[in-house]
Structure formats: structure tokens, C-alpha cells
Amino acid sequence: MEEISDLLERLRESGVPIDDSIANAMQSVNIEDFTDFDINTFLMDRPIPFLSTENGTTKTISAPHMIVTLLHHLEILDGCHVLVLGSKGGYIAALLDSMLGPEGAVTVVEPHTEVRRHTSERLDLFESMGEVRVLPINFLESVGDEFRPVDRVLITGAIRELPPDVKSLVGEGGFVLGPFGGPVHQRLLKREIQSEEWFDTDLGGVVFGPMDLEEAERSPLDPQNLAEHLEDILGLVSEIIEIEDETVSRIEGLIISLRELPLGLPELDEESTEDEIMEHPVIELLLMEMDWLEPMWPIFGEFLSVEIASPGSPGEDEFGMSGGHEDLVP
């Protein structure tokens, strides 16, 4: 695993915290056991695909710098029970198992059927030290008293709110780590429970894909999907530049109008005719607002394109950035 050792050294030199436990796990768990894609992408400190779904969506394992950052903030102790929401192909579960030791336990909850199948198959071939299991999302609704309390919860995809079913599983002094926010930008939060109260520690801005892969598979013209993106971008842009109150009101009105459109609208693809495109309710709504929306669209577009930081990639600048976006991204 010399290539992984070199990668870890580059990450350390760039300031990413990596202790011996994390380094040993990264060197002992083979990334090739969890993906059939070329691992050179991963070795360049980039996300690596592990599955293409039947709908053509690609699911990835996060870049190494993000993985080791998450593991660092999890503060893993021998024998802990870690709940992982979103499997990342099983790779992170294998790393956690290596760090937790024989008394540890990893419970992976994966909402997407194809991803869950892939994860189960790969982890079945993995020689775990402790207990590792992969379960569907509805497991959270039927947890019994015999379920071992959770010390750590790792959320591997963007989420707006922590489900109550997850909160109830976290034992005293345990915490949740994950990206909280909308589809465009989130904050990496550590949410710790003490005396039945939750306390947040903000660990910085991040950009993750959605928690549920089925959400990522929605059409860009799905009105609910577009409304969520516009709402998230509006909040992010408003923190950076001043937007006139009238424009803000119009954007908020557009978001409401999108959410009021009926469900089950026809999907558009490369075979759609010009008439089908122009008569699509979402297109019609956007065209009606184009007089004021057009000047704003380039600004929104900039925030939909995020440069990925890869501090462990050879040949990048002294800050480890590939394009000037300072957030950690998966």
C-alpha cells in the first residue's frame, strides 16, 4: 500500500489531521475491494465512483482528505458502536471496523436498494474485526430495546434535519457528525447530547451529495428539486452579496410557485420535441419570470459549480486547492 502511504504523507503535509489509527486503517483496508473503477482517481485525492445505478446516476466514495477528516472528527474509541447513514459502498464502514477493534460495532443504514446490495456484497467479503451489518432505512422505525446504544453517528450525505429515530439511538455523551443544509452547500456539524440537550459545534462549510441517492436521481426540472436548489443558493448568495429586497421577494415567490406545481410532471430528455420543452410547466414558469430572473441566473450558476479541493493531490499549490474553493468537499 505504498501509494496510500504517499497519499497520507501529502495530506499530512497539507495540514489534514491524520493520527496513527486512521493511517493504519487506510493502509490495511484496500479501496479496490469496494470499487471496480480505476483507483488512480482516489490516489489523486478525488472522489471515486463505486456504482452506476440503473437510472444512470454515479455514486461515489468521498475523496481521501474528506474521509480522514470525518474519521478525525468522529474521535473513535476502541469498542464504540458507530451508526453510518449512507454507506459509501462499504469503504468507510471497513475503515471504522479496523479502528474500533474486536469489541466495536458498525451499523450501516443505506436507503437505496442498489447501493445497499453493493455494500452488503463487498462487506460480506471483508474480514471484519468486530460486528458489521448493513440495514435498510426502515430499520430505524423498528429498533427494539435490545439495540446497543450508539456512541457515534456519521452521516455521509447532505441532510436538512436529523431524523428523530436517529436522535433516540444516541447514548449520553455520544454525538452526530454530518453535513447539514441544502443541496448546494452545508455546514459540517458535530451534534453532541449532554443531559438530554443537544449542542452544536460548527466544523466548517462542505459540499456533499444528498443523503438519499433517489433524491439525486430527480430530474433537474423536477419543481421540488429546483425549488430546493434555488432556496439554498439564495441563502448562500445573500451572505456574500447584497440582493435588492424586490429581487429576493421575486425569487421567494418563484420558489413557492415551483412547490405548488403538481406532482408527476412529464420528464424531458434528448428526444423531447421543442414543443414539449416549451410547454413544460417548469419552463413556462421560468420564462414568465425571465425579465428579472435572467440577470440573476449567471450568479446562481456560479454557485452550482463548485471546485473540489484535493490537498492530497500531487502538484497542487501550497494551499492544496485546485481552484480556490476553500470548503472541504466529498
Protein backbone atom coordinates (compact mmCIF):
# COMPACT_ATOMS: atom_id res chain seq x y z
CA MET A 1 0.00 0.00 0.00
CA GLU A 2 2.89 2.33 -0.76
CA GLU A 3 0.66 4.58 -2.88
CA ILE A 4 -1.73 5.08 0.06
CA SER A 5 1.24 5.88 2.31
CA ASP A 6 2.38 8.54 -0.16
CA LEU A 7 -1.15 9.97 -0.28
CA LEU A 8 -1.35 10.14 3.51
CA GLU A 9 2.01 11.90 3.65
CA ARG A 10 0.81 14.53 1.16
CA LEU A 11 -2.34 15.06 3.22
CA ARG A 12 -0.31 15.48 6.40
CA GLU A 13 1.96 18.00 4.69
CA SER A 14 -1.11 19.99 3.64
CA GLY A 15 -2.32 20.16 7.24
CA VAL A 16 -5.01 17.45 7.23
CA PRO A 17 -5.01 15.79 10.71
CA ILE A 18 -4.21 12.07 10.49
CA ASP A 19 -3.37 10.04 13.59
CA ASP A 20 -1.84 6.55 13.62
CA SER A 21 -5.21 4.83 13.99
CA ILE A 22 -6.56 6.48 10.83
CA ALA A 23 -3.34 5.88 8.91
CA ASN A 24 -3.25 2.19 9.88
CA ALA A 25 -6.88 1.75 8.80
CA MET A 26 -6.28 3.45 5.44
CA GLN A 27 -3.26 1.22 4.83
CA SER A 28 -4.94 -2.01 5.87
CA VAL A 29 -8.27 -1.62 4.03
CA ASN A 30 -7.93 -1.96 0.27
CA ILE A 31 -10.05 0.58 -1.64
CA GLU A 32 -10.09 -1.85 -4.59
CA ASP A 33 -12.26 -4.21 -2.55
CA PHE A 34 -15.09 -1.65 -2.67
CA THR A 35 -14.97 -0.35 -6.24
CA ASP A 36 -14.22 -1.74 -9.67
CA PHE A 37 -13.30 1.70 -11.01
CA ASP A 38 -9.74 2.94 -11.56
CA ILE A 39 -8.32 3.85 -8.14
CA ASN A 40 -5.89 6.43 -9.57
CA THR A 41 -8.69 8.97 -9.12
CA PHE A 42 -8.75 8.16 -5.40
CA LEU A 43 -4.96 8.30 -5.13
CA MET A 44 -5.12 11.81 -6.60
CA ASP A 45 -7.33 12.75 -3.63
CA ARG A 46 -10.55 12.79 -5.63
CA PRO A 47 -13.90 11.07 -5.11
CA ILE A 48 -14.02 7.65 -6.78
CA PRO A 49 -17.16 6.05 -8.27
CA PHE A 50 -18.23 2.72 -6.86
CA LEU A 51 -21.61 2.21 -8.58
CA SER A 52 -23.62 3.36 -11.57
CA THR A 53 -27.31 2.84 -10.85
CA GLU A 54 -29.92 1.60 -13.28
CA ASN A 55 -31.02 5.22 -13.72
CA GLY A 56 -27.51 6.21 -14.76
CA THR A 57 -26.56 8.05 -11.58
CA THR A 58 -22.99 7.58 -10.36
CA LYS A 59 -22.45 7.10 -6.64
CA THR A 60 -19.01 7.88 -5.21
CA ILE A 61 -16.75 7.25 -2.26
CA SER A 62 -15.59 10.59 -0.88
CA ALA A 63 -12.10 11.92 -1.54
CA PRO A 64 -9.43 10.74 0.93
CA HIS A 65 -8.99 14.17 2.54
CA MET A 66 -12.70 14.22 3.42
CA ILE A 67 -12.70 10.63 4.68
CA VAL A 68 -9.78 11.18 7.05
CA THR A 69 -11.30 14.50 8.18
CA LEU A 70 -14.56 12.76 9.07
CA LEU A 71 -12.70 9.97 10.87
CA HIS A 72 -10.67 12.57 12.80
CA HIS A 73 -13.78 14.41 14.00
CA LEU A 74 -15.51 11.15 14.97
CA GLU A 75 -12.97 10.72 17.81
CA ILE A 76 -13.14 6.93 17.54
CA LEU A 77 -12.50 4.86 20.69
CA ASP A 78 -11.99 1.10 20.92
CA GLY A 79 -15.26 -0.75 21.28
CA CYS A 80 -17.54 2.10 20.17
CA HIS A 81 -20.78 1.49 18.28
CA VAL A 82 -20.93 3.67 15.17
CA LEU A 83 -24.07 4.17 13.08
CA VAL A 84 -23.34 5.17 9.48
CA LEU A 85 -26.15 6.73 7.44
CA GLY A 86 -25.25 6.29 3.77
CA SER A 87 -22.81 3.51 3.01
CA LYS A 88 -20.29 5.00 0.55
CA GLY A 89 -20.00 1.49 -0.86
CA GLY A 90 -18.89 0.00 2.46
CA TYR A 91 -15.40 1.51 2.43
CA ILE A 92 -15.92 3.82 5.41
CA ALA A 93 -17.56 1.00 7.39
CA ALA A 94 -14.47 -1.14 6.78
CA LEU A 95 -12.18 1.67 7.94
CA LEU A 96 -14.25 2.14 11.08
CA ASP A 97 -14.20 -1.59 11.81
CA SER A 98 -10.42 -1.55 11.60
CA MET A 99 -10.25 1.36 14.07
CA LEU A 100 -12.86 0.05 16.54
CA GLY A 101 -11.28 -3.33 17.25
CA PRO A 102 -12.98 -6.65 18.06
CA GLU A 103 -15.37 -5.13 20.62
CA GLY A 104 -16.60 -2.47 18.21
CA ALA A 105 -19.71 -2.44 16.05
CA VAL A 106 -20.65 -0.67 12.82
CA THR A 107 -24.28 -0.45 11.73
CA VAL A 108 -24.74 0.86 8.20
CA VAL A 109 -28.17 2.17 7.21
CA GLU A 110 -28.50 2.63 3.45
CA PRO A 111 -31.76 3.95 1.91
CA HIS A 112 -31.06 2.99 -1.70
CA THR A 113 -31.64 -0.63 -2.71
CA GLU A 114 -28.90 -0.88 -5.36
CA VAL A 115 -26.32 0.79 -3.14
CA ARG A 116 -27.29 -1.40 -0.20
CA ARG A 117 -26.89 -4.55 -2.30
CA HIS A 118 -23.44 -3.44 -3.49
CA THR A 119 -22.39 -2.57 0.06
CA SER A 120 -23.58 -5.87 1.52
CA GLU A 121 -21.79 -7.87 -1.18
CA ARG A 122 -18.49 -6.06 -0.64
CA LEU A 123 -18.61 -6.18 3.15
CA ASP A 124 -19.52 -9.90 3.09
CA LEU A 125 -16.09 -10.48 1.52
CA PHE A 126 -14.36 -8.24 4.08
CA GLU A 127 -12.77 -9.90 7.11
CA SER A 128 -14.15 -7.69 9.85
CA MET A 129 -12.67 -7.46 13.33
CA GLY A 130 -15.93 -6.65 15.10
CA GLU A 131 -19.62 -6.59 14.15
CA VAL A 132 -20.55 -5.01 10.80
CA ARG A 133 -24.05 -5.07 9.37
CA VAL A 134 -25.95 -3.31 6.55
CA LEU A 135 -29.63 -2.49 7.03
CA PRO A 136 -32.42 -0.72 5.11
CA ILE A 137 -33.72 2.71 6.16
CA ASN A 138 -36.95 1.35 7.64
CA PHE A 139 -34.84 -0.38 10.29
CA LEU A 140 -34.77 2.94 12.14
CA GLU A 141 -38.54 2.80 12.64
CA SER A 142 -38.48 -0.57 14.38
CA VAL A 143 -35.42 -0.53 16.64
CA GLY A 144 -36.00 -2.57 19.79
CA ASP A 145 -34.67 -2.16 23.32
CA GLU A 146 -32.04 -4.79 22.62
CA PHE A 147 -30.29 -2.48 20.14
CA ARG A 148 -26.96 -1.37 21.54
CA PRO A 149 -26.86 2.42 22.16
CA VAL A 150 -24.92 4.36 19.54
CA ASP A 151 -21.77 6.27 20.51
CA ARG A 152 -21.25 7.96 17.15
CA VAL A 153 -23.45 8.68 14.13
CA LEU A 154 -21.77 9.51 10.83
CA ILE A 155 -23.98 10.99 8.12
CA THR A 156 -22.33 10.73 4.70
CA GLY A 157 -24.76 12.81 2.64
CA ALA A 158 -26.44 16.20 2.83
CA ILE A 159 -29.34 16.31 5.27
CA ARG A 160 -31.52 19.17 6.48
CA GLU A 161 -32.67 17.75 9.81
CA LEU A 162 -31.63 14.82 11.96
CA PRO A 163 -34.44 12.22 11.98
CA PRO A 164 -35.98 11.75 15.46
CA ASP A 165 -35.46 7.99 15.10
CA VAL A 166 -31.71 8.59 14.92
CA LYS A 167 -31.64 11.04 17.83
CA SER A 168 -33.23 8.47 20.10
CA LEU A 169 -30.43 5.96 19.45
CA VAL A 170 -27.54 8.17 20.59
CA GLY A 171 -26.34 7.46 24.13
CA GLU A 172 -25.29 10.07 26.70
CA GLY A 173 -22.06 11.77 25.60
CA GLY A 174 -22.42 10.46 22.07
CA PHE A 175 -22.65 12.68 19.03
CA VAL A 176 -23.70 13.00 15.41
CA LEU A 177 -21.32 14.19 12.69
CA GLY A 178 -22.62 15.19 9.29
CA PRO A 179 -23.27 17.83 6.60
CA PHE A 180 -26.42 19.77 7.50
CA GLY A 181 -28.00 22.04 4.89
CA GLY A 182 -29.49 22.13 1.42
CA PRO A 183 -28.41 20.51 -1.85
CA VAL A 184 -25.81 23.13 -2.77
CA HIS A 185 -23.96 23.89 0.46
CA GLN A 186 -23.89 22.56 4.00
CA ARG A 187 -22.13 23.01 7.32
CA LEU A 188 -20.26 20.08 8.83
CA LEU A 189 -21.74 19.90 12.33
CA LYS A 190 -20.89 17.87 15.40
CA ARG A 191 -24.12 17.50 17.40
CA GLU A 192 -23.48 16.17 20.89
CA ILE A 193 -26.02 15.13 23.51
CA GLN A 194 -25.37 16.02 27.15
CA SER A 195 -28.01 15.70 29.88
CA GLU A 196 -30.68 15.27 27.20
CA GLU A 197 -29.69 18.54 25.49
CA TRP A 198 -28.06 18.84 22.06
CA PHE A 199 -25.09 21.12 21.45
CA ASP A 200 -23.69 22.01 18.01
CA THR A 201 -20.08 22.56 17.01
CA ASP A 202 -19.65 24.05 13.53
CA LEU A 203 -16.65 22.47 11.78
CA GLY A 204 -16.86 24.44 8.52
CA GLY A 205 -18.52 24.55 5.13
CA VAL A 206 -18.79 21.43 2.98
CA VAL A 207 -20.50 20.25 -0.20
CA PHE A 208 -21.95 16.73 -0.18
CA GLY A 209 -24.39 14.96 -2.42
CA PRO A 210 -27.84 14.18 -1.00
CA MET A 211 -28.26 11.56 1.72
CA ASP A 212 -30.68 9.53 -0.44
CA LEU A 213 -29.47 8.63 -3.92
CA GLU A 214 -33.06 8.68 -5.20
CA GLU A 215 -33.09 12.41 -4.48
CA ALA A 216 -30.03 12.85 -6.71
CA GLU A 217 -31.83 10.97 -9.47
CA ARG A 218 -34.63 13.52 -9.70
CA SER A 219 -34.81 15.49 -12.95
CA PRO A 220 -33.22 18.96 -12.89
CA LEU A 221 -36.67 20.21 -13.96
CA ASP A 222 -38.42 18.48 -11.07
CA PRO A 223 -40.12 21.53 -9.49
CA GLN A 224 -39.39 20.44 -5.91
CA ASN A 225 -35.74 19.78 -6.79
CA LEU A 226 -35.37 23.16 -8.49
CA ALA A 227 -37.12 24.94 -5.62
CA GLU A 228 -34.74 23.41 -3.08
CA HIS A 229 -31.69 24.43 -5.12
CA LEU A 230 -32.93 27.99 -5.61
CA GLU A 231 -33.71 28.32 -1.90
CA ASP A 232 -30.28 27.02 -0.92
CA ILE A 233 -28.45 29.24 -3.42
CA LEU A 234 -30.43 32.31 -2.36
CA GLY A 235 -29.38 31.81 1.24
CA LEU A 236 -25.74 31.30 0.28
CA VAL A 237 -25.55 34.24 -2.16
CA SER A 238 -27.31 36.58 0.28
CA GLU A 239 -24.49 36.02 2.78
CA ILE A 240 -21.92 37.19 0.23
CA ILE A 241 -23.54 39.92 -1.86
CA GLU A 242 -26.41 42.31 -1.29
CA ILE A 243 -29.56 41.48 -3.25
CA GLU A 244 -32.38 44.01 -3.59
CA ASP A 245 -35.44 43.25 -1.46
CA GLU A 246 -37.66 43.20 -4.54
CA THR A 247 -35.47 40.58 -6.21
CA VAL A 248 -35.42 38.47 -3.05
CA SER A 249 -39.22 38.63 -2.90
CA ARG A 250 -39.49 37.56 -6.53
CA ILE A 251 -37.13 34.62 -6.02
CA GLU A 252 -39.09 33.55 -2.95
CA GLY A 253 -42.30 33.84 -4.98
CA LEU A 254 -40.80 31.67 -7.73
CA ILE A 255 -39.82 29.05 -5.15
CA ILE A 256 -43.40 29.00 -3.82
CA SER A 257 -44.80 28.72 -7.37
CA LEU A 258 -42.49 25.78 -8.14
CA ARG A 259 -43.61 23.97 -5.00
CA GLU A 260 -47.25 24.49 -5.95
CA LEU A 261 -46.85 22.72 -9.30
CA PRO A 262 -48.47 19.27 -9.42
CA LEU A 263 -46.53 16.07 -8.89
CA GLY A 264 -45.80 13.70 -11.75
CA LEU A 265 -44.94 16.27 -14.41
CA PRO A 266 -43.55 14.80 -17.66
CA GLU A 267 -39.78 14.39 -17.81
CA LEU A 268 -37.73 15.91 -20.61
CA ASP A 269 -34.81 14.20 -22.34
CA GLU A 270 -32.76 14.46 -25.51
CA GLU A 271 -35.67 13.06 -27.52
CA SER A 272 -38.17 15.68 -26.33
CA THR A 273 -39.54 17.93 -29.06
CA GLU A 274 -39.24 21.71 -28.99
CA ASP A 275 -42.99 21.98 -28.32
CA GLU A 276 -42.74 19.54 -25.40
CA ILE A 277 -39.90 21.57 -23.92
CA MET A 278 -41.56 24.97 -24.33
CA GLU A 279 -44.90 23.70 -22.99
CA HIS A 280 -43.39 22.06 -19.92
CA PRO A 281 -44.90 23.78 -16.82
CA VAL A 282 -41.49 24.46 -15.25
CA ILE A 283 -40.13 26.01 -18.46
CA GLU A 284 -43.29 28.09 -18.85
CA LEU A 285 -42.96 29.35 -15.28
CA LEU A 286 -39.28 30.26 -15.71
CA LEU A 287 -39.98 32.07 -19.00
CA MET A 288 -42.71 34.13 -17.32
CA GLU A 289 -40.15 35.31 -14.76
CA MET A 290 -37.27 35.74 -17.20
CA ASP A 291 -37.32 39.57 -17.29
CA TRP A 292 -35.96 39.80 -13.75
CA LEU A 293 -34.52 36.28 -13.44
CA GLU A 294 -32.13 36.41 -16.41
CA PRO A 295 -29.65 38.89 -14.81
CA MET A 296 -29.52 36.70 -11.68
CA TRP A 297 -29.05 33.37 -13.46
CA PRO A 298 -25.27 33.68 -14.10
CA ILE A 299 -24.74 34.37 -10.38
CA PHE A 300 -26.78 31.31 -9.43
CA GLY A 301 -24.86 29.26 -11.96
CA GLU A 302 -21.56 30.15 -10.32
CA PHE A 303 -22.74 28.65 -7.04
CA LEU A 304 -23.89 25.47 -8.73
CA SER A 305 -20.32 24.85 -9.92
CA VAL A 306 -18.02 24.00 -7.01
CA GLU A 307 -14.31 23.45 -7.37
CA ILE A 308 -13.17 20.37 -5.48
CA ALA A 309 -10.35 20.78 -3.01
CA SER A 310 -7.78 17.98 -3.23
CA PRO A 311 -4.99 18.71 -0.75
CA GLY A 312 -3.58 15.21 -1.24
CA SER A 313 -3.18 15.52 -4.99
CA PRO A 314 0.43 15.87 -6.23
CA GLY A 315 1.41 19.14 -7.82
CA GLU A 316 -1.20 21.46 -6.35
CA ASP A 317 -0.43 24.82 -4.81
CA GLU A 318 0.73 25.34 -1.23
CA PHE A 319 -2.87 25.54 -0.02
CA GLY A 320 -3.79 22.26 -1.70
CA MET A 321 -6.51 23.89 -3.76
CA SER A 322 -7.45 23.04 -7.32
CA GLY A 323 -9.49 26.14 -7.87
CA GLY A 324 -9.83 28.40 -4.87
CA HIS A 325 -12.89 26.89 -3.16
CA GLU A 326 -11.79 26.61 0.44
CA ASP A 327 -14.51 24.32 1.73
CA LEU A 328 -13.92 20.63 2.26
CA VAL A 329 -15.88 18.72 -0.33
CA PRO A 330 -16.54 14.99 -0.80
